[in-house]
Amino acid sequence: MIVLAFDTSLTSCSAGVWRDDTVVASESIVLPQGHAEALMPMIERVIGAAGIDYTVLDRIAVTVGPGSFTGLRVGIATARGLAMAAQKPAFGVTTTEALAAAVPKSERHDSSQIILSIIDSKRDDVFAQAFAMDGTPTTEILNVGYENLPKTFTGRLIVVGDATARALPHLGPEAKASSAPPVCAIEQIAIIAARRVIDPRGPLPVYVRAPDVTMRPDGGILRP
C-alpha cells in the first residue's frame, strides 16, 4: 500500500510517502504559521523524491486535530482537494492518536500503564486523550486546564506531546515523559490510515472546542 501523509496540525509542516511499512520520502519544517504556502510545494517535492505520481497512491492521510484551527483547515482542504483530483480515498487521523502511536515499544512495560497524548492549546489549557498500551483510546479528547489534570488523569502515565514538560509537575510522580517526538510522525499517520475503513464523508476536523472568534448570529452589518 502507498500512502501520502501530511500534518499541519501543530507547529510544524510535514509530508511524506509511506510504502509497505517504510517511509520512502519525507520532509518536515518547524512552521508555527504559513502552512498554506508551504504544504503543496512540500507534497510535490516528496512525491517527486519517492519517484511516483498521484495515480499510484492508494490513500491520502491527514491529521485532523485537535491543534491549530488554521493549520487544520489547510491540511484537510488539501487532502480533500487531492482526493477529488486523484480519485483516491482520504482519511483523517487525530493528532492525539498519532502522538500516542509513536511511543516506543521499549517504554510500554505493562498493561497497567496509560499513554497520555497532551497538546498545548495556547490558552493555558490542553487537549488530552488517554490510550491503552495497544493504542485503544480509553477517553474522549478532552479540553482540560493544567490545574485539573490530576483530577482527570491518574496512574502510571507515559506522557507524549508538546505540553509534556509543563504538564508533568501536575500529573504526579508516576507520570513519565516519553522519548517520542512532540509532533506527529508521518509513519504513524500513514500506518493508522492504512488500517482504517473508508469513510465516505472524508476527513473531518476535530476542534474539541469552539473557535475564539465567531460571527454574530445576524451576520453583522457593513460599516458605512
C-alpha atoms as a PDB file:
ATOM      1  CA  MET A   1       0.000   0.000   0.000  1.00  0.00           C
ATOM      2  CA  ILE A   2       1.186   3.526  -0.824  1.00  0.00           C
ATOM      3  CA  VAL A   3       0.010   6.405   1.374  1.00  0.00           C
ATOM      4  CA  LEU A   4       0.652  10.118   1.033  1.00  0.00           C
ATOM      5  CA  ALA A   5       0.515  11.528   4.579  1.00  0.00           C
ATOM      6  CA  PHE A   6       0.865  15.058   5.847  1.00  0.00           C
ATOM      7  CA  ASP A   7       0.452  17.093   9.026  1.00  0.00           C
ATOM      8  CA  THR A   8      -0.304  20.773   9.581  1.00  0.00           C
ATOM      9  CA  SER A   9      -1.979  20.487  12.973  1.00  0.00           C
ATOM     10  CA  LEU A  10       0.752  21.785  15.283  1.00  0.00           C
ATOM     11  CA  THR A  11       3.870  23.956  14.976  1.00  0.00           C
ATOM     12  CA  SER A  12       5.366  22.080  12.037  1.00  0.00           C
ATOM     13  CA  CYS A  13       4.543  21.204   8.452  1.00  0.00           C
ATOM     14  CA  SER A  14       5.343  17.644   7.410  1.00  0.00           C
ATOM     15  CA  ALA A  15       4.648  15.426   4.414  1.00  0.00           C
ATOM     16  CA  GLY A  16       5.803  12.031   3.287  1.00  0.00           C
ATOM     17  CA  VAL A  17       5.168   8.957   1.188  1.00  0.00           C
ATOM     18  CA  TRP A  18       4.824   5.627   3.020  1.00  0.00           C
ATOM     19  CA  ARG A  19       5.028   2.399   1.080  1.00  0.00           C
ATOM     20  CA  ASP A  20       4.679  -1.084   2.596  1.00  0.00           C
ATOM     21  CA  ASP A  21       5.781  -0.161   6.143  1.00  0.00           C
ATOM     22  CA  THR A  22       8.562   2.223   5.079  1.00  0.00           C
ATOM     23  CA  VAL A  23       8.676   5.999   4.662  1.00  0.00           C
ATOM     24  CA  VAL A  24      10.369   6.334   1.264  1.00  0.00           C
ATOM     25  CA  ALA A  25      10.408  10.136   1.169  1.00  0.00           C
ATOM     26  CA  SER A  26       9.573  12.803   3.735  1.00  0.00           C
ATOM     27  CA  GLU A  27      10.156  16.413   4.664  1.00  0.00           C
ATOM     28  CA  SER A  28       9.379  18.436   7.778  1.00  0.00           C
ATOM     29  CA  ILE A  29       9.985  22.009   8.890  1.00  0.00           C
ATOM     30  CA  VAL A  30       9.157  23.929  12.064  1.00  0.00           C
ATOM     31  CA  LEU A  31       6.402  26.279  10.989  1.00  0.00           C
ATOM     32  CA  PRO A  32       4.094  27.965  13.519  1.00  0.00           C
ATOM     33  CA  GLN A  33       2.378  29.821  10.644  1.00  0.00           C
ATOM     34  CA  GLY A  34       2.305  29.753   6.852  1.00  0.00           C
ATOM     35  CA  HIS A  35       1.139  26.177   6.266  1.00  0.00           C
ATOM     36  CA  ALA A  36      -0.983  27.215   3.284  1.00  0.00           C
ATOM     37  CA  GLU A  37       2.067  28.426   1.381  1.00  0.00           C
ATOM     38  CA  ALA A  38       4.376  25.585   2.412  1.00  0.00           C
ATOM     39  CA  LEU A  39       2.244  22.451   2.188  1.00  0.00           C
ATOM     40  CA  MET A  40       1.601  21.868  -1.524  1.00  0.00           C
ATOM     41  CA  PRO A  41       5.195  22.568  -2.630  1.00  0.00           C
ATOM     42  CA  MET A  42       6.346  20.166   0.101  1.00  0.00           C
ATOM     43  CA  ILE A  43       3.912  17.491  -1.084  1.00  0.00           C
ATOM     44  CA  GLU A  44       5.133  17.921  -4.668  1.00  0.00           C
ATOM     45  CA  ARG A  45       8.730  17.503  -3.527  1.00  0.00           C
ATOM     46  CA  VAL A  46       8.107  14.297  -1.554  1.00  0.00           C
ATOM     47  CA  ILE A  47       6.023  12.825  -4.384  1.00  0.00           C
ATOM     48  CA  GLY A  48       8.915  13.550  -6.732  1.00  0.00           C
ATOM     49  CA  ALA A  49      11.515  12.193  -4.302  1.00  0.00           C
ATOM     50  CA  ALA A  50       9.507   8.981  -3.980  1.00  0.00           C
ATOM     51  CA  GLY A  51       9.550   8.602  -7.760  1.00  0.00           C
ATOM     52  CA  ILE A  52       5.785   8.283  -8.086  1.00  0.00           C
ATOM     53  CA  ASP A  53       2.775  10.290  -9.175  1.00  0.00           C
ATOM     54  CA  TYR A  54      -0.659  10.695  -7.612  1.00  0.00           C
ATOM     55  CA  THR A  55      -2.201   7.943  -9.728  1.00  0.00           C
ATOM     56  CA  VAL A  56      -0.360   5.174  -7.848  1.00  0.00           C
ATOM     57  CA  LEU A  57      -1.426   6.316  -4.393  1.00  0.00           C
ATOM     58  CA  ASP A  58      -3.764   4.035  -2.508  1.00  0.00           C
ATOM     59  CA  ARG A  59      -4.690   6.515   0.219  1.00  0.00           C
ATOM     60  CA  ILE A  60      -4.197  10.091   1.384  1.00  0.00           C
ATOM     61  CA  ALA A  61      -3.896  10.726   5.126  1.00  0.00           C
ATOM     62  CA  VAL A  62      -4.029  13.974   7.079  1.00  0.00           C
ATOM     63  CA  THR A  63      -4.106  14.971  10.731  1.00  0.00           C
ATOM     64  CA  VAL A  64      -7.495  16.400  11.693  1.00  0.00           C
ATOM     65  CA  GLY A  65      -6.849  17.815  15.150  1.00  0.00           C
ATOM     66  CA  PRO A  66      -7.044  18.989  17.742  1.00  0.00           C
ATOM     67  CA  GLY A  67      -4.500  21.678  17.023  1.00  0.00           C
ATOM     68  CA  SER A  68      -4.217  24.971  15.180  1.00  0.00           C
ATOM     69  CA  PHE A  69      -7.565  25.983  13.655  1.00  0.00           C
ATOM     70  CA  THR A  70      -5.874  27.488  10.598  1.00  0.00           C
ATOM     71  CA  GLY A  71      -3.420  24.628  10.179  1.00  0.00           C
ATOM     72  CA  LEU A  72      -6.190  22.043  10.364  1.00  0.00           C
ATOM     73  CA  ARG A  73      -8.277  23.816   7.751  1.00  0.00           C
ATOM     74  CA  VAL A  74      -5.286  23.984   5.398  1.00  0.00           C
ATOM     75  CA  GLY A  75      -4.438  20.303   5.797  1.00  0.00           C
ATOM     76  CA  ILE A  76      -7.986  18.983   5.490  1.00  0.00           C
ATOM     77  CA  ALA A  77      -8.820  21.180   2.486  1.00  0.00           C
ATOM     78  CA  THR A  78      -5.644  19.990   0.774  1.00  0.00           C
ATOM     79  CA  ALA A  79      -6.436  16.340   1.483  1.00  0.00           C
ATOM     80  CA  ARG A  80      -9.962  16.705   0.154  1.00  0.00           C
ATOM     81  CA  GLY A  81      -8.775  18.523  -2.966  1.00  0.00           C
ATOM     82  CA  LEU A  82      -6.097  15.953  -3.760  1.00  0.00           C
ATOM     83  CA  ALA A  83      -8.505  13.090  -3.095  1.00  0.00           C
ATOM     84  CA  MET A  84     -11.033  14.553  -5.502  1.00  0.00           C
ATOM     85  CA  ALA A  85      -8.468  15.274  -8.209  1.00  0.00           C
ATOM     86  CA  ALA A  86      -6.708  11.900  -7.946  1.00  0.00           C
ATOM     87  CA  GLN A  87      -9.871   9.898  -7.224  1.00  0.00           C
ATOM     88  CA  LYS A  88      -8.298   8.414  -4.092  1.00  0.00           C
ATOM     89  CA  PRO A  89      -9.807   7.989  -0.608  1.00  0.00           C
ATOM     90  CA  ALA A  90      -8.727  10.463   2.078  1.00  0.00           C
ATOM     91  CA  PHE A  91      -8.507   9.584   5.772  1.00  0.00           C
ATOM     92  CA  GLY A  92      -8.328  11.672   8.922  1.00  0.00           C
ATOM     93  CA  VAL A  93      -6.043  10.804  11.840  1.00  0.00           C
ATOM     94  CA  THR A  94      -6.297  12.685  15.124  1.00  0.00           C
ATOM     95  CA  THR A  95      -3.176  14.313  16.476  1.00  0.00           C
ATOM     96  CA  THR A  96      -3.614  12.535  19.794  1.00  0.00           C
ATOM     97  CA  GLU A  97      -3.666   9.050  18.249  1.00  0.00           C
ATOM     98  CA  ALA A  98      -0.677   9.833  16.019  1.00  0.00           C
ATOM     99  CA  LEU A  99       1.317  11.063  19.016  1.00  0.00           C
ATOM    100  CA  ALA A 100       0.379   8.026  21.117  1.00  0.00           C
ATOM    101  CA  ALA A 101       1.299   5.587  18.340  1.00  0.00           C
ATOM    102  CA  ALA A 102       4.858   6.939  18.274  1.00  0.00           C
ATOM    103  CA  VAL A 103       5.606   5.917  21.886  1.00  0.00           C
ATOM    104  CA  PRO A 104       8.340   3.242  21.548  1.00  0.00           C
ATOM    105  CA  LYS A 105       7.625  -0.359  22.485  1.00  0.00           C
ATOM    106  CA  SER A 106      10.536  -0.182  24.940  1.00  0.00           C
ATOM    107  CA  GLU A 107       8.507   2.287  27.056  1.00  0.00           C
ATOM    108  CA  ARG A 108       5.342   0.150  27.105  1.00  0.00           C
ATOM    109  CA  HIS A 109       6.300  -2.066  30.034  1.00  0.00           C
ATOM    110  CA  ASP A 110       2.941  -3.500  31.061  1.00  0.00           C
ATOM    111  CA  SER A 111      -0.797  -3.189  30.531  1.00  0.00           C
ATOM    112  CA  SER A 112      -1.310  -1.107  33.681  1.00  0.00           C
ATOM    113  CA  GLN A 113       0.359   1.871  32.029  1.00  0.00           C
ATOM    114  CA  ILE A 114      -1.562   4.589  30.211  1.00  0.00           C
ATOM    115  CA  ILE A 115      -0.330   6.654  27.290  1.00  0.00           C
ATOM    116  CA  LEU A 116      -1.412  10.281  27.615  1.00  0.00           C
ATOM    117  CA  SER A 117      -1.269  12.432  24.487  1.00  0.00           C
ATOM    118  CA  ILE A 118      -1.260  16.063  25.512  1.00  0.00           C
ATOM    119  CA  ILE A 119      -1.225  19.165  23.323  1.00  0.00           C
ATOM    120  CA  ASP A 120      -0.819  22.766  24.476  1.00  0.00           C
ATOM    121  CA  SER A 121      -3.848  24.740  23.252  1.00  0.00           C
ATOM    122  CA  LYS A 122      -2.005  28.075  23.712  1.00  0.00           C
ATOM    123  CA  ARG A 123      -4.835  29.160  26.038  1.00  0.00           C
ATOM    124  CA  ASP A 124      -3.429  27.943  29.389  1.00  0.00           C
ATOM    125  CA  ASP A 125      -5.019  24.529  28.962  1.00  0.00           C
ATOM    126  CA  VAL A 126      -4.504  21.355  26.947  1.00  0.00           C
ATOM    127  CA  PHE A 127      -6.150  18.900  24.602  1.00  0.00           C
ATOM    128  CA  ALA A 128      -5.579  15.452  26.060  1.00  0.00           C
ATOM    129  CA  GLN A 129      -6.564  11.842  25.445  1.00  0.00           C
ATOM    130  CA  ALA A 130      -5.600   8.611  27.199  1.00  0.00           C
ATOM    131  CA  PHE A 131      -4.772   5.350  25.418  1.00  0.00           C
ATOM    132  CA  ALA A 132      -4.190   1.762  26.472  1.00  0.00           C
ATOM    133  CA  MET A 133      -0.885   0.131  25.592  1.00  0.00           C
ATOM    134  CA  ASP A 134      -2.357  -1.326  22.396  1.00  0.00           C
ATOM    135  CA  GLY A 135      -3.376   2.131  21.172  1.00  0.00           C
ATOM    136  CA  THR A 136      -7.059   1.834  22.022  1.00  0.00           C
ATOM    137  CA  PRO A 137      -8.414   5.171  23.300  1.00  0.00           C
ATOM    138  CA  THR A 138      -9.747   4.986  26.857  1.00  0.00           C
ATOM    139  CA  THR A 139     -11.130   8.546  26.978  1.00  0.00           C
ATOM    140  CA  GLU A 140     -12.515  11.082  24.562  1.00  0.00           C
ATOM    141  CA  ILE A 141     -10.319  14.015  23.570  1.00  0.00           C
ATOM    142  CA  LEU A 142     -10.730  16.456  26.450  1.00  0.00           C
ATOM    143  CA  ASN A 143     -10.013  20.151  26.886  1.00  0.00           C
ATOM    144  CA  VAL A 144      -8.533  20.412  30.403  1.00  0.00           C
ATOM    145  CA  GLY A 145      -6.818  23.143  32.384  1.00  0.00           C
ATOM    146  CA  TYR A 146      -3.346  22.300  33.668  1.00  0.00           C
ATOM    147  CA  GLU A 147      -4.515  22.542  37.270  1.00  0.00           C
ATOM    148  CA  ASN A 148      -7.280  19.988  36.585  1.00  0.00           C
ATOM    149  CA  LEU A 149      -5.035  17.363  35.004  1.00  0.00           C
ATOM    150  CA  PRO A 150      -4.524  15.356  38.244  1.00  0.00           C
ATOM    151  CA  LYS A 151      -8.302  15.164  38.715  1.00  0.00           C
ATOM    152  CA  THR A 152      -8.746  13.799  35.197  1.00  0.00           C
ATOM    153  CA  PHE A 153      -5.751  11.527  34.579  1.00  0.00           C
ATOM    154  CA  THR A 154      -4.133   9.310  37.206  1.00  0.00           C
ATOM    155  CA  GLY A 155      -1.920   6.247  37.369  1.00  0.00           C
ATOM    156  CA  ARG A 156       1.245   5.221  35.555  1.00  0.00           C
ATOM    157  CA  LEU A 157       1.230   7.673  32.703  1.00  0.00           C
ATOM    158  CA  ILE A 158       3.544   7.812  29.700  1.00  0.00           C
ATOM    159  CA  VAL A 159       3.138  11.394  28.532  1.00  0.00           C
ATOM    160  CA  VAL A 160       3.732  12.500  24.931  1.00  0.00           C
ATOM    161  CA  GLY A 161       3.080  15.770  23.119  1.00  0.00           C
ATOM    162  CA  ASP A 162       4.215  19.387  23.175  1.00  0.00           C
ATOM    163  CA  ALA A 163       2.612  20.107  26.570  1.00  0.00           C
ATOM    164  CA  THR A 164       4.537  17.318  28.333  1.00  0.00           C
ATOM    165  CA  ALA A 165       7.112  19.428  30.167  1.00  0.00           C
ATOM    166  CA  ARG A 166       4.539  21.817  31.569  1.00  0.00           C
ATOM    167  CA  ALA A 167       2.040  19.068  32.410  1.00  0.00           C
ATOM    168  CA  LEU A 168       4.348  16.645  34.230  1.00  0.00           C
ATOM    169  CA  PRO A 169       4.526  18.612  37.520  1.00  0.00           C
ATOM    170  CA  HIS A 170       0.720  18.412  37.707  1.00  0.00           C
ATOM    171  CA  LEU A 171       0.451  14.692  36.990  1.00  0.00           C
ATOM    172  CA  GLY A 172       2.267  13.168  39.957  1.00  0.00           C
ATOM    173  CA  PRO A 173       5.359  11.020  40.490  1.00  0.00           C
ATOM    174  CA  GLU A 174       4.138   8.086  38.408  1.00  0.00           C
ATOM    175  CA  ALA A 175       3.935  10.173  35.229  1.00  0.00           C
ATOM    176  CA  LYS A 176       6.956   9.917  32.926  1.00  0.00           C
ATOM    177  CA  ALA A 177       7.818  11.692  29.696  1.00  0.00           C
ATOM    178  CA  SER A 178       8.087   9.583  26.560  1.00  0.00           C
ATOM    179  CA  SER A 179      11.085   9.865  24.283  1.00  0.00           C
ATOM    180  CA  ALA A 180       8.706  10.115  21.300  1.00  0.00           C
ATOM    181  CA  PRO A 181       8.759  13.426  19.406  1.00  0.00           C
ATOM    182  CA  PRO A 182       6.228  16.132  20.360  1.00  0.00           C
ATOM    183  CA  VAL A 183       4.930  16.374  16.778  1.00  0.00           C
ATOM    184  CA  CYS A 184       3.059  13.869  14.630  1.00  0.00           C
ATOM    185  CA  ALA A 185       5.229  11.383  12.741  1.00  0.00           C
ATOM    186  CA  ILE A 186       4.454  10.725   9.077  1.00  0.00           C
ATOM    187  CA  GLU A 187       4.981   6.999   9.604  1.00  0.00           C
ATOM    188  CA  GLN A 188       2.347   6.772  12.328  1.00  0.00           C
ATOM    189  CA  ILE A 189      -0.183   8.867  10.397  1.00  0.00           C
ATOM    190  CA  ALA A 190       0.217   6.562   7.398  1.00  0.00           C
ATOM    191  CA  ILE A 191       0.057   3.327   9.416  1.00  0.00           C
ATOM    192  CA  ILE A 192      -3.145   4.384  11.166  1.00  0.00           C
ATOM    193  CA  ALA A 193      -4.746   5.487   7.895  1.00  0.00           C
ATOM    194  CA  ALA A 194      -3.722   2.245   6.157  1.00  0.00           C
ATOM    195  CA  ARG A 195      -5.742   0.246   8.702  1.00  0.00           C
ATOM    196  CA  ARG A 196      -8.799   2.467   8.611  1.00  0.00           C
ATOM    197  CA  VAL A 197     -12.132   1.662   6.967  1.00  0.00           C
ATOM    198  CA  ILE A 198     -13.120   4.122   4.264  1.00  0.00           C
ATOM    199  CA  ASP A 199     -15.468   6.857   5.491  1.00  0.00           C
ATOM    200  CA  PRO A 200     -17.394   8.408   2.586  1.00  0.00           C
ATOM    201  CA  ARG A 201     -17.503  11.726   4.447  1.00  0.00           C
ATOM    202  CA  GLY A 202     -13.723  12.044   4.140  1.00  0.00           C
ATOM    203  CA  PRO A 203     -11.546  13.686   6.822  1.00  0.00           C
ATOM    204  CA  LEU A 204     -13.444  15.881   9.282  1.00  0.00           C
ATOM    205  CA  PRO A 205     -11.875  18.426  11.676  1.00  0.00           C
ATOM    206  CA  VAL A 206     -11.659  17.673  15.395  1.00  0.00           C
ATOM    207  CA  TYR A 207     -11.619  21.075  17.072  1.00  0.00           C
ATOM    208  CA  VAL A 208     -12.835  19.931  20.556  1.00  0.00           C
ATOM    209  CA  ARG A 209     -13.828  23.480  21.475  1.00  0.00           C
ATOM    210  CA  ALA A 210     -15.406  26.398  19.622  1.00  0.00           C
ATOM    211  CA  PRO A 211     -13.165  28.994  17.955  1.00  0.00           C
ATOM    212  CA  ASP A 212     -12.296  32.127  19.901  1.00  0.00           C
ATOM    213  CA  VAL A 213     -13.715  34.366  17.178  1.00  0.00           C
ATOM    214  CA  THR A 214     -17.205  33.695  15.792  1.00  0.00           C
ATOM    215  CA  MET A 215     -19.617  35.513  13.503  1.00  0.00           C
ATOM    216  CA  ARG A 216     -22.647  37.209  15.044  1.00  0.00           C
ATOM    217  CA  PRO A 217     -25.915  35.267  14.622  1.00  0.00           C
ATOM    218  CA  ASP A 218     -27.286  38.032  12.393  1.00  0.00           C
ATOM    219  CA  GLY A 219     -24.129  38.086  10.304  1.00  0.00           C
ATOM    220  CA  GLY A 220     -23.175  41.571  11.440  1.00  0.00           C
ATOM    221  CA  ILE A 221     -23.534  44.749   9.374  1.00  0.00           C
ATOM    222  CA  LEU A 222     -21.273  46.516   6.929  1.00  0.00           C
ATOM    223  CA  ARG A 223     -19.607  49.686   8.067  1.00  0.00           C
ATOM    224  CA  PRO A 224     -20.984  52.844   6.424  1.00  0.00           C
END
